[in-house]
């Protein structure tokens, strides 16, 4: 089911992602929840929830990456500071 607040996100998301990444996750999950409501729109027989979580993590990984310290950090922008 869609998440109305960041506090409703799974602990596995809340405990590892910074706030901005949680916001990305929430938005992407909720959008995917609506978009992939029919089983025929999903791949490999995945459930609606599995699909929405996969989309949400993919969205986070576009902007954030897990560092060597096992914490999620915003990716460096190409050409930043130039």
PDB file of N, CA and C in Angstrom:
ATOM      1  N   UNK A   1       0.836  -1.178   0.000  1.00  0.00           N
ATOM      2  CA  UNK A   1       0.000   0.000   0.000  1.00  0.00           C
ATOM      3  C   UNK A   1       0.880   1.240   0.000  1.00  0.00           C
ATOM      4  N   UNK A   2       0.414   2.342  -0.537  1.00  0.00           N
ATOM      5  CA  UNK A   2       1.209   3.566  -0.599  1.00  0.00           C
ATOM      6  C   UNK A   2       1.549   4.095   0.805  1.00  0.00           C
ATOM      7  N   UNK A   3       2.617   4.855   0.863  1.00  0.00           N
ATOM      8  CA  UNK A   3       3.073   5.429   2.127  1.00  0.00           C
ATOM      9  C   UNK A   3       2.695   6.905   2.175  1.00  0.00           C
ATOM     10  N   UNK A   4       1.936   7.287   3.206  1.00  0.00           N
ATOM     11  CA  UNK A   4       1.517   8.677   3.373  1.00  0.00           C
ATOM     12  C   UNK A   4       2.610   9.534   4.008  1.00  0.00           C
ATOM     13  N   UNK A   5       3.434   8.929   4.851  1.00  0.00           N
ATOM     14  CA  UNK A   5       4.500   9.661   5.530  1.00  0.00           C
ATOM     15  C   UNK A   5       5.788   8.845   5.507  1.00  0.00           C
ATOM     16  N   UNK A   6       6.904   9.513   5.762  1.00  0.00           N
ATOM     17  CA  UNK A   6       8.186   8.811   5.818  1.00  0.00           C
ATOM     18  C   UNK A   6       8.229   7.832   6.991  1.00  0.00           C
ATOM     19  N   UNK A   7       7.511   8.140   8.045  1.00  0.00           N
ATOM     20  CA  UNK A   7       7.482   7.260   9.217  1.00  0.00           C
ATOM     21  C   UNK A   7       6.850   5.907   8.909  1.00  0.00           C
ATOM     22  N   UNK A   8       6.072   5.845   7.835  1.00  0.00           N
ATOM     23  CA  UNK A   8       5.424   4.584   7.452  1.00  0.00           C
ATOM     24  C   UNK A   8       6.330   3.694   6.609  1.00  0.00           C
ATOM     25  N   UNK A   9       7.437   4.232   6.109  1.00  0.00           N
ATOM     26  CA  UNK A   9       8.351   3.427   5.297  1.00  0.00           C
ATOM     27  C   UNK A   9       8.900   2.267   6.122  1.00  0.00           C
ATOM     28  N   UNK A  10       9.273   1.176   5.463  1.00  0.00           N
ATOM     29  CA  UNK A  10       9.843   0.048   6.200  1.00  0.00           C
ATOM     30  C   UNK A  10      11.101   0.484   6.961  1.00  0.00           C
ATOM     31  N   UNK A  11      11.334  -0.146   8.105  1.00  0.00           N
ATOM     32  CA  UNK A  11      12.535   0.171   8.884  1.00  0.00           C
ATOM     33  C   UNK A  11      13.794  -0.007   8.062  1.00  0.00           C
ATOM     34  N   UNK A  12      13.795  -0.996   7.178  1.00  0.00           N
ATOM     35  CA  UNK A  12      14.970  -1.259   6.347  1.00  0.00           C
ATOM     36  C   UNK A  12      15.277  -0.094   5.408  1.00  0.00           C
ATOM     37  N   UNK A  13      14.330   0.765   5.184  1.00  0.00           N
ATOM     38  CA  UNK A  13      14.523   1.971   4.378  1.00  0.00           C
ATOM     39  C   UNK A  13      14.853   3.147   5.296  1.00  0.00           C
ATOM     40  N   UNK A  14      14.039   3.326   6.320  1.00  0.00           N
ATOM     41  CA  UNK A  14      14.224   4.459   7.247  1.00  0.00           C
ATOM     42  C   UNK A  14      15.576   4.433   7.935  1.00  0.00           C
ATOM     43  N   UNK A  15      16.050   3.246   8.285  1.00  0.00           N
ATOM     44  CA  UNK A  15      17.277   3.134   9.065  1.00  0.00           C
ATOM     45  C   UNK A  15      18.550   3.282   8.240  1.00  0.00           C
ATOM     46  N   UNK A  16      18.442   3.259   6.916  1.00  0.00           N
ATOM     47  CA  UNK A  16      19.666   3.327   6.108  1.00  0.00           C
ATOM     48  C   UNK A  16      19.742   4.539   5.187  1.00  0.00           C
ATOM     49  N   UNK A  17      18.611   5.100   4.815  1.00  0.00           N
ATOM     50  CA  UNK A  17      18.629   6.197   3.846  1.00  0.00           C
ATOM     51  C   UNK A  17      18.486   7.554   4.527  1.00  0.00           C
ATOM     52  N   UNK A  18      19.230   8.561   4.014  1.00  0.00           N
ATOM     53  CA  UNK A  18      19.018   9.929   4.506  1.00  0.00           C
ATOM     54  C   UNK A  18      17.613  10.404   4.123  1.00  0.00           C
ATOM     55  N   UNK A  19      17.164  11.472   4.755  1.00  0.00           N
ATOM     56  CA  UNK A  19      15.792  11.949   4.571  1.00  0.00           C
ATOM     57  C   UNK A  19      15.443  12.186   3.103  1.00  0.00           C
ATOM     58  N   UNK A  20      16.301  12.870   2.359  1.00  0.00           N
ATOM     59  CA  UNK A  20      15.998  13.153   0.958  1.00  0.00           C
ATOM     60  C   UNK A  20      15.831  11.864   0.160  1.00  0.00           C
ATOM     61  N   UNK A  21      16.678  10.882   0.432  1.00  0.00           N
ATOM     62  CA  UNK A  21      16.570   9.589  -0.263  1.00  0.00           C
ATOM     63  C   UNK A  21      15.265   8.881   0.125  1.00  0.00           C
ATOM     64  N   UNK A  22      14.851   9.031   1.375  1.00  0.00           N
ATOM     65  CA  UNK A  22      13.564   8.460   1.800  1.00  0.00           C
ATOM     66  C   UNK A  22      12.411   9.118   1.043  1.00  0.00           C
ATOM     67  N   UNK A  23      12.527  10.411   0.818  1.00  0.00           N
ATOM     68  CA  UNK A  23      11.478  11.121   0.069  1.00  0.00           C
ATOM     69  C   UNK A  23      11.407  10.617  -1.369  1.00  0.00           C
ATOM     70  N   UNK A  24      12.565  10.380  -1.968  1.00  0.00           N
ATOM     71  CA  UNK A  24      12.614   9.816  -3.323  1.00  0.00           C
ATOM     72  C   UNK A  24      11.962   8.437  -3.320  1.00  0.00           C
ATOM     73  N   UNK A  25      12.337   7.627  -2.341  1.00  0.00           N
ATOM     74  CA  UNK A  25      11.802   6.272  -2.227  1.00  0.00           C
ATOM     75  C   UNK A  25      10.278   6.296  -2.108  1.00  0.00           C
ATOM     76  N   UNK A  26       9.781   7.134  -1.211  1.00  0.00           N
ATOM     77  CA  UNK A  26       8.339   7.229  -0.987  1.00  0.00           C
ATOM     78  C   UNK A  26       7.607   7.627  -2.259  1.00  0.00           C
ATOM     79  N   UNK A  27       8.104   8.643  -2.929  1.00  0.00           N
ATOM     80  CA  UNK A  27       7.466   9.131  -4.146  1.00  0.00           C
ATOM     81  C   UNK A  27       7.466   8.068  -5.244  1.00  0.00           C
ATOM     82  N   UNK A  28       8.610   7.425  -5.437  1.00  0.00           N
ATOM     83  CA  UNK A  28       8.717   6.403  -6.482  1.00  0.00           C
ATOM     84  C   UNK A  28       7.851   5.190  -6.160  1.00  0.00           C
ATOM     85  N   UNK A  29       7.847   4.774  -4.887  1.00  0.00           N
ATOM     86  CA  UNK A  29       7.020   3.638  -4.490  1.00  0.00           C
ATOM     87  C   UNK A  29       5.552   3.927  -4.763  1.00  0.00           C
ATOM     88  N   UNK A  30       5.093   5.086  -4.313  1.00  0.00           N
ATOM     89  CA  UNK A  30       3.679   5.431  -4.472  1.00  0.00           C
ATOM     90  C   UNK A  30       3.293   5.525  -5.943  1.00  0.00           C
ATOM     91  N   UNK A  31       4.162   6.072  -6.757  1.00  0.00           N
ATOM     92  CA  UNK A  31       3.889   6.170  -8.186  1.00  0.00           C
ATOM     93  C   UNK A  31       3.824   4.782  -8.826  1.00  0.00           C
ATOM     94  N   UNK A  32       4.791   3.929  -8.478  1.00  0.00           N
ATOM     95  CA  UNK A  32       4.810   2.573  -9.033  1.00  0.00           C
ATOM     96  C   UNK A  32       3.614   1.765  -8.548  1.00  0.00           C
ATOM     97  N   UNK A  33       3.193   1.993  -7.320  1.00  0.00           N
ATOM     98  CA  UNK A  33       2.023   1.295  -6.777  1.00  0.00           C
ATOM     99  C   UNK A  33       0.806   1.554  -7.659  1.00  0.00           C
ATOM    100  N   UNK A  34       0.662   2.804  -8.080  1.00  0.00           N
ATOM    101  CA  UNK A  34      -0.465   3.168  -8.946  1.00  0.00           C
ATOM    102  C   UNK A  34      -0.262   2.648 -10.372  1.00  0.00           C
ATOM    103  N   UNK A  35       0.952   2.778 -10.870  1.00  0.00           N
ATOM    104  CA  UNK A  35       1.228   2.423 -12.264  1.00  0.00           C
ATOM    105  C   UNK A  35       1.134   0.930 -12.536  1.00  0.00           C
ATOM    106  N   UNK A  36       1.615   0.109 -11.601  1.00  0.00           N
ATOM    107  CA  UNK A  36       1.669  -1.339 -11.815  1.00  0.00           C
ATOM    108  C   UNK A  36       0.572  -2.071 -11.053  1.00  0.00           C
ATOM    109  N   UNK A  37      -0.643  -1.572 -11.150  1.00  0.00           N
ATOM    110  CA  UNK A  37      -1.750  -2.175 -10.405  1.00  0.00           C
ATOM    111  C   UNK A  37      -2.239  -3.484 -11.022  1.00  0.00           C
ATOM    112  N   UNK A  38      -1.995  -3.680 -12.304  1.00  0.00           N
ATOM    113  CA  UNK A  38      -2.451  -4.909 -12.974  1.00  0.00           C
ATOM    114  C   UNK A  38      -1.289  -5.896 -13.106  1.00  0.00           C
ATOM    115  N   UNK A  39      -1.504  -7.168 -12.783  1.00  0.00           N
ATOM    116  CA  UNK A  39      -0.436  -8.167 -12.883  1.00  0.00           C
ATOM    117  C   UNK A  39       0.226  -8.218 -14.265  1.00  0.00           C
ATOM    118  N   UNK A  40      -0.518  -7.935 -15.303  1.00  0.00           N
ATOM    119  CA  UNK A  40       0.043  -7.988 -16.659  1.00  0.00           C
ATOM    120  C   UNK A  40       1.076  -6.886 -16.893  1.00  0.00           C
ATOM    121  N   UNK A  41       1.102  -5.881 -16.027  1.00  0.00           N
ATOM    122  CA  UNK A  41       2.058  -4.778 -16.169  1.00  0.00           C
ATOM    123  C   UNK A  41       3.368  -5.042 -15.427  1.00  0.00           C
ATOM    124  N   UNK A  42       3.438  -6.154 -14.703  1.00  0.00           N
ATOM    125  CA  UNK A  42       4.620  -6.488 -13.906  1.00  0.00           C
ATOM    126  C   UNK A  42       5.401  -7.615 -14.556  1.00  0.00           C
ATOM    127  N   UNK A  43       6.675  -7.689 -14.224  1.00  0.00           N
ATOM    128  CA  UNK A  43       7.544  -8.724 -14.791  1.00  0.00           C
ATOM    129  C   UNK A  43       7.689  -9.911 -13.852  1.00  0.00           C
ATOM    130  N   UNK A  44       7.841 -11.064 -14.449  1.00  0.00           N
ATOM    131  CA  UNK A  44       8.183 -12.266 -13.703  1.00  0.00           C
ATOM    132  C   UNK A  44       7.244 -12.682 -12.601  1.00  0.00           C
ATOM    133  N   UNK A  45       5.997 -12.291 -12.693  1.00  0.00           N
ATOM    134  CA  UNK A  45       5.030 -12.688 -11.686  1.00  0.00           C
ATOM    135  C   UNK A  45       5.208 -11.999 -10.346  1.00  0.00           C
ATOM    136  N   UNK A  46       5.957 -10.889 -10.329  1.00  0.00           N
ATOM    137  CA  UNK A  46       6.161 -10.155  -9.082  1.00  0.00           C
ATOM    138  C   UNK A  46       4.857  -9.559  -8.582  1.00  0.00           C
ATOM    139  N   UNK A  47       4.766  -9.444  -7.271  1.00  0.00           N
ATOM    140  CA  UNK A  47       3.588  -8.824  -6.689  1.00  0.00           C
ATOM    141  C   UNK A  47       3.656  -7.314  -6.901  1.00  0.00           C
ATOM    142  N   UNK A  48       2.548  -6.678  -6.693  1.00  0.00           N
ATOM    143  CA  UNK A  48       2.478  -5.217  -6.820  1.00  0.00           C
ATOM    144  C   UNK A  48       3.461  -4.552  -5.856  1.00  0.00           C
ATOM    145  N   UNK A  49       3.522  -5.070  -4.638  1.00  0.00           N
ATOM    146  CA  UNK A  49       4.420  -4.505  -3.625  1.00  0.00           C
ATOM    147  C   UNK A  49       5.891  -4.728  -3.985  1.00  0.00           C
ATOM    148  N   UNK A  50       6.230  -5.927  -4.436  1.00  0.00           N
ATOM    149  CA  UNK A  50       7.617  -6.208  -4.844  1.00  0.00           C
ATOM    150  C   UNK A  50       8.045  -5.275  -5.967  1.00  0.00           C
ATOM    151  N   UNK A  51       7.180  -5.088  -6.930  1.00  0.00           N
ATOM    152  CA  UNK A  51       7.478  -4.215  -8.056  1.00  0.00           C
ATOM    153  C   UNK A  51       7.676  -2.781  -7.594  1.00  0.00           C
ATOM    154  N   UNK A  52       6.796  -2.301  -6.734  1.00  0.00           N
ATOM    155  CA  UNK A  52       6.904  -0.922  -6.241  1.00  0.00           C
ATOM    156  C   UNK A  52       8.191  -0.712  -5.452  1.00  0.00           C
ATOM    157  N   UNK A  53       8.582  -1.691  -4.631  1.00  0.00           N
ATOM    158  CA  UNK A  53       9.840  -1.571  -3.888  1.00  0.00           C
ATOM    159  C   UNK A  53      11.036  -1.564  -4.833  1.00  0.00           C
ATOM    160  N   UNK A  54      11.011  -2.407  -5.860  1.00  0.00           N
ATOM    161  CA  UNK A  54      12.114  -2.447  -6.825  1.00  0.00           C
ATOM    162  C   UNK A  54      12.242  -1.117  -7.558  1.00  0.00           C
ATOM    163  N   UNK A  55      11.125  -0.543  -7.953  1.00  0.00           N
ATOM    164  CA  UNK A  55      11.136   0.760  -8.631  1.00  0.00           C
ATOM    165  C   UNK A  55      11.669   1.833  -7.683  1.00  0.00           C
ATOM    166  N   UNK A  56      11.247   1.787  -6.427  1.00  0.00           N
ATOM    167  CA  UNK A  56      11.675   2.785  -5.445  1.00  0.00           C
ATOM    168  C   UNK A  56      13.185   2.723  -5.216  1.00  0.00           C
ATOM    169  N   UNK A  57      13.725   1.519  -5.060  1.00  0.00           N
ATOM    170  CA  UNK A  57      15.179   1.398  -4.874  1.00  0.00           C
ATOM    171  C   UNK A  57      15.928   1.866  -6.113  1.00  0.00           C
ATOM    172  N   UNK A  58      15.423   1.558  -7.294  1.00  0.00           N
ATOM    173  CA  UNK A  58      16.071   2.008  -8.531  1.00  0.00           C
ATOM    174  C   UNK A  58      16.101   3.535  -8.597  1.00  0.00           C
ATOM    175  N   UNK A  59      15.026   4.166  -8.159  1.00  0.00           N
ATOM    176  CA  UNK A  59      14.967   5.632  -8.159  1.00  0.00           C
ATOM    177  C   UNK A  59      15.990   6.217  -7.192  1.00  0.00           C
ATOM    178  N   UNK A  60      16.115   5.622  -6.019  1.00  0.00           N
ATOM    179  CA  UNK A  60      17.095   6.097  -5.037  1.00  0.00           C
ATOM    180  C   UNK A  60      18.501   5.961  -5.596  1.00  0.00           C
ATOM    181  N   UNK A  61      18.785   4.838  -6.255  1.00  0.00           N
ATOM    182  CA  UNK A  61      20.135   4.562  -6.757  1.00  0.00           C
ATOM    183  C   UNK A  61      20.546   5.481  -7.902  1.00  0.00           C
ATOM    184  N   UNK A  62      19.607   6.223  -8.480  1.00  0.00           N
ATOM    185  CA  UNK A  62      19.963   7.204  -9.506  1.00  0.00           C
ATOM    186  C   UNK A  62      20.662   8.398  -8.885  1.00  0.00           C
ATOM    187  N   UNK A  63      20.368   8.695  -7.621  1.00  0.00           N
ATOM    188  CA  UNK A  63      20.901   9.883  -6.965  1.00  0.00           C
ATOM    189  C   UNK A  63      21.831   9.546  -5.805  1.00  0.00           C
ATOM    190  N   UNK A  64      21.652   8.389  -5.203  1.00  0.00           N
ATOM    191  CA  UNK A  64      22.440   7.990  -4.032  1.00  0.00           C
ATOM    192  C   UNK A  64      23.190   6.701  -4.309  1.00  0.00           C
ATOM    193  N   UNK A  65      24.302   6.528  -3.569  1.00  0.00           N
ATOM    194  CA  UNK A  65      25.055   5.287  -3.653  1.00  0.00           C
ATOM    195  C   UNK A  65      25.552   4.921  -2.260  1.00  0.00           C
ATOM    196  N   UNK A  66      25.754   3.648  -2.068  1.00  0.00           N
ATOM    197  CA  UNK A  66      26.241   3.168  -0.791  1.00  0.00           C
ATOM    198  C   UNK A  66      27.760   3.321  -0.779  1.00  0.00           C
ATOM    199  N   UNK A  67      28.260   4.001   0.225  1.00  0.00           N
ATOM    200  CA  UNK A  67      29.689   4.259   0.313  1.00  0.00           C
ATOM    201  C   UNK A  67      30.444   3.129   0.994  1.00  0.00           C
ATOM    202  N   UNK A  68      31.770   3.262   1.052  1.00  0.00           N
ATOM    203  CA  UNK A  68      32.595   2.237   1.694  1.00  0.00           C
ATOM    204  C   UNK A  68      32.300   2.116   3.195  1.00  0.00           C
ATOM    205  N   UNK A  69      31.651   3.134   3.749  1.00  0.00           N
ATOM    206  CA  UNK A  69      31.261   3.110   5.165  1.00  0.00           C
ATOM    207  C   UNK A  69      29.896   2.464   5.372  1.00  0.00           C
ATOM    208  N   UNK A  70      29.343   1.880   4.289  1.00  0.00           N
ATOM    209  CA  UNK A  70      28.026   1.232   4.306  1.00  0.00           C
ATOM    210  C   UNK A  70      26.880   2.200   4.548  1.00  0.00           C
ATOM    211  N   UNK A  71      27.117   3.500   4.363  1.00  0.00           N
ATOM    212  CA  UNK A  71      26.060   4.497   4.478  1.00  0.00           C
ATOM    213  C   UNK A  71      25.760   5.029   3.083  1.00  0.00           C
ATOM    214  N   UNK A  72      24.510   5.464   2.887  1.00  0.00           N
ATOM    215  CA  UNK A  72      24.098   5.997   1.600  1.00  0.00           C
ATOM    216  C   UNK A  72      24.443   7.475   1.523  1.00  0.00           C
ATOM    217  N   UNK A  73      25.092   7.856   0.404  1.00  0.00           N
ATOM    218  CA  UNK A  73      25.528   9.231   0.180  1.00  0.00           C
ATOM    219  C   UNK A  73      25.038   9.690  -1.189  1.00  0.00           C
ATOM    220  N   UNK A  74      24.784  10.980  -1.315  1.00  0.00           N
ATOM    221  CA  UNK A  74      24.398  11.541  -2.598  1.00  0.00           C
ATOM    222  C   UNK A  74      25.577  11.409  -3.562  1.00  0.00           C
ATOM    223  N   UNK A  75      25.299  10.986  -4.773  1.00  0.00           N
ATOM    224  CA  UNK A  75      26.357  10.847  -5.777  1.00  0.00           C
ATOM    225  C   UNK A  75      26.907  12.217  -6.134  1.00  0.00           C
ATOM    226  N   UNK A  76      28.193  12.236  -6.421  1.00  0.00           N
ATOM    227  CA  UNK A  76      28.837  13.471  -6.866  1.00  0.00           C
ATOM    228  C   UNK A  76      28.293  13.822  -8.247  1.00  0.00           C
ATOM    229  N   UNK A  77      27.983  15.089  -8.439  1.00  0.00           N
ATOM    230  CA  UNK A  77      27.528  15.519  -9.755  1.00  0.00           C
ATOM    231  C   UNK A  77      28.733  15.624 -10.679  1.00  0.00           C
ATOM    232  N   UNK A  78      28.564  15.226 -11.902  1.00  0.00           N
ATOM    233  CA  UNK A  78      29.628  15.300 -12.881  1.00  0.00           C
ATOM    234  C   UNK A  78      29.959  16.775 -13.105  1.00  0.00           C
ATOM    235  N   UNK A  79      31.248  17.094 -12.988  1.00  0.00           N
ATOM    236  CA  UNK A  79      31.691  18.470 -13.228  1.00  0.00           C
ATOM    237  C   UNK A  79      31.416  19.405 -12.065  1.00  0.00           C
ATOM    238  N   UNK A  80      31.045  18.859 -10.926  1.00  0.00           N
ATOM    239  CA  UNK A  80      30.753  19.734  -9.775  1.00  0.00           C
ATOM    240  C   UNK A  80      31.993  20.508  -9.362  1.00  0.00           C
ATOM    241  N   UNK A  81      31.807  21.768  -9.063  1.00  0.00           N
ATOM    242  CA  UNK A  81      32.896  22.597  -8.600  1.00  0.00           C
ATOM    243  C   UNK A  81      33.771  23.142  -9.696  1.00  0.00           C
ATOM    244  N   UNK A  82      33.388  22.938 -10.935  1.00  0.00           N
ATOM    245  CA  UNK A  82      34.205  23.434 -12.049  1.00  0.00           C
ATOM    246  C   UNK A  82      33.592  24.658 -12.647  1.00  0.00           C
TER     247      UNK A  82
END
